[in-house]
Amino acid sequence: HTDLFIKPDVLPSSSKYFEDLRTQQTNLIVKAIKGEISSKDYLKQFKSVWEKNGGKQLEQEAKTLYAEEETILKEVSE
């Protein structure tokens, strides 16, 4: 489940959350481009969508992956 390029789709929960988050983000971007919502509202709405739809889980998994890679890089460079 790890990838040296830190691609988001390598996180364990990516298949569960990532596609829906991307779709919702795209929908909000379209609304912002069309002037239906402001960029400030876009950020608020996406933060809410992110937190309610698996973003927090993905953040935790990314932090764990990063810590694992930092440990490996440290060991290799010694």
Protein backbone atom coordinates (compact mmCIF):
# COMPACT_ATOMS: atom_id res chain seq x y z
CA HIS A 1 0.00 0.00 0.00
CA THR A 2 2.97 2.34 -0.01
CA ASP A 3 4.41 4.30 -2.88
CA LEU A 4 7.58 6.39 -2.98
CA PHE A 5 5.81 9.04 -5.03
CA ILE A 6 3.18 9.53 -2.30
CA LYS A 7 0.29 9.23 -4.74
CA PRO A 8 -2.99 9.67 -2.85
CA ASP A 9 -4.49 6.55 -4.38
CA VAL A 10 -2.01 4.34 -2.53
CA LEU A 11 -3.52 5.08 0.86
CA PRO A 12 -5.44 2.11 2.29
CA SER A 13 -8.80 3.93 2.26
CA SER A 14 -8.36 5.63 -1.10
CA SER A 15 -10.72 3.32 -2.94
CA LYS A 16 -13.38 3.93 -0.31
CA TYR A 17 -13.25 7.75 -0.26
CA PHE A 18 -11.11 9.32 -2.95
CA GLU A 19 -13.37 9.06 -6.00
CA ASP A 20 -16.35 10.61 -4.21
CA LEU A 21 -14.20 13.38 -2.73
CA ARG A 22 -12.80 14.23 -6.17
CA THR A 23 -16.29 14.30 -7.70
CA GLN A 24 -17.62 16.58 -4.99
CA GLN A 25 -14.57 18.83 -5.31
CA THR A 26 -15.07 19.09 -9.07
CA ASN A 27 -18.74 19.94 -8.60
CA LEU A 28 -17.85 22.73 -6.18
CA ILE A 29 -15.15 24.07 -8.53
CA VAL A 30 -17.70 24.23 -11.36
CA LYS A 31 -20.09 26.15 -9.10
CA ALA A 32 -17.30 28.60 -8.24
CA ILE A 33 -16.34 29.07 -11.89
CA LYS A 34 -19.98 29.68 -12.82
CA GLY A 35 -20.23 32.25 -10.04
CA GLU A 36 -22.79 30.25 -8.09
CA ILE A 37 -20.57 30.29 -5.01
CA SER A 38 -17.63 32.46 -4.01
CA SER A 39 -14.13 31.08 -3.61
CA LYS A 40 -14.48 31.61 0.13
CA ASP A 41 -17.70 29.56 0.14
CA TYR A 42 -15.99 26.93 -2.01
CA LEU A 43 -13.28 26.50 0.59
CA LYS A 44 -15.80 26.27 3.44
CA GLN A 45 -17.96 23.80 1.60
CA PHE A 46 -15.08 21.61 0.48
CA LYS A 47 -13.65 21.54 3.99
CA SER A 48 -17.02 20.31 5.23
CA VAL A 49 -17.27 17.72 2.44
CA TRP A 50 -13.70 16.58 3.11
CA GLU A 51 -14.24 16.13 6.83
CA LYS A 52 -17.59 14.34 6.46
CA ASN A 53 -16.57 12.00 3.66
CA GLY A 54 -13.32 10.32 4.68
CA GLY A 55 -10.80 13.14 4.37
CA LYS A 56 -9.75 12.87 8.00
CA GLN A 57 -9.09 9.15 7.55
CA LEU A 58 -7.02 9.84 4.43
CA GLU A 59 -5.05 12.53 6.28
CA GLN A 60 -4.22 10.12 9.09
CA GLU A 61 -3.14 7.43 6.66
CA ALA A 62 -0.95 9.93 4.78
CA LYS A 63 0.70 11.03 8.05
CA THR A 64 1.40 7.41 8.95
CA LEU A 65 2.83 6.69 5.51
CA TYR A 66 5.01 9.79 5.68
CA ALA A 67 6.34 8.81 9.12
CA GLU A 68 7.15 5.31 7.86
CA GLU A 69 9.04 6.72 4.88
CA GLU A 70 10.92 9.20 7.07
CA THR A 71 12.03 6.30 9.28
CA ILE A 72 13.20 4.30 6.27
CA LEU A 73 15.07 7.25 4.76
CA LYS A 74 16.75 7.95 8.09
CA GLU A 75 17.87 4.33 8.42
CA VAL A 76 19.17 4.25 4.86
CA SER A 77 21.15 7.47 5.23
CA GLU A 78 22.96 6.32 8.38
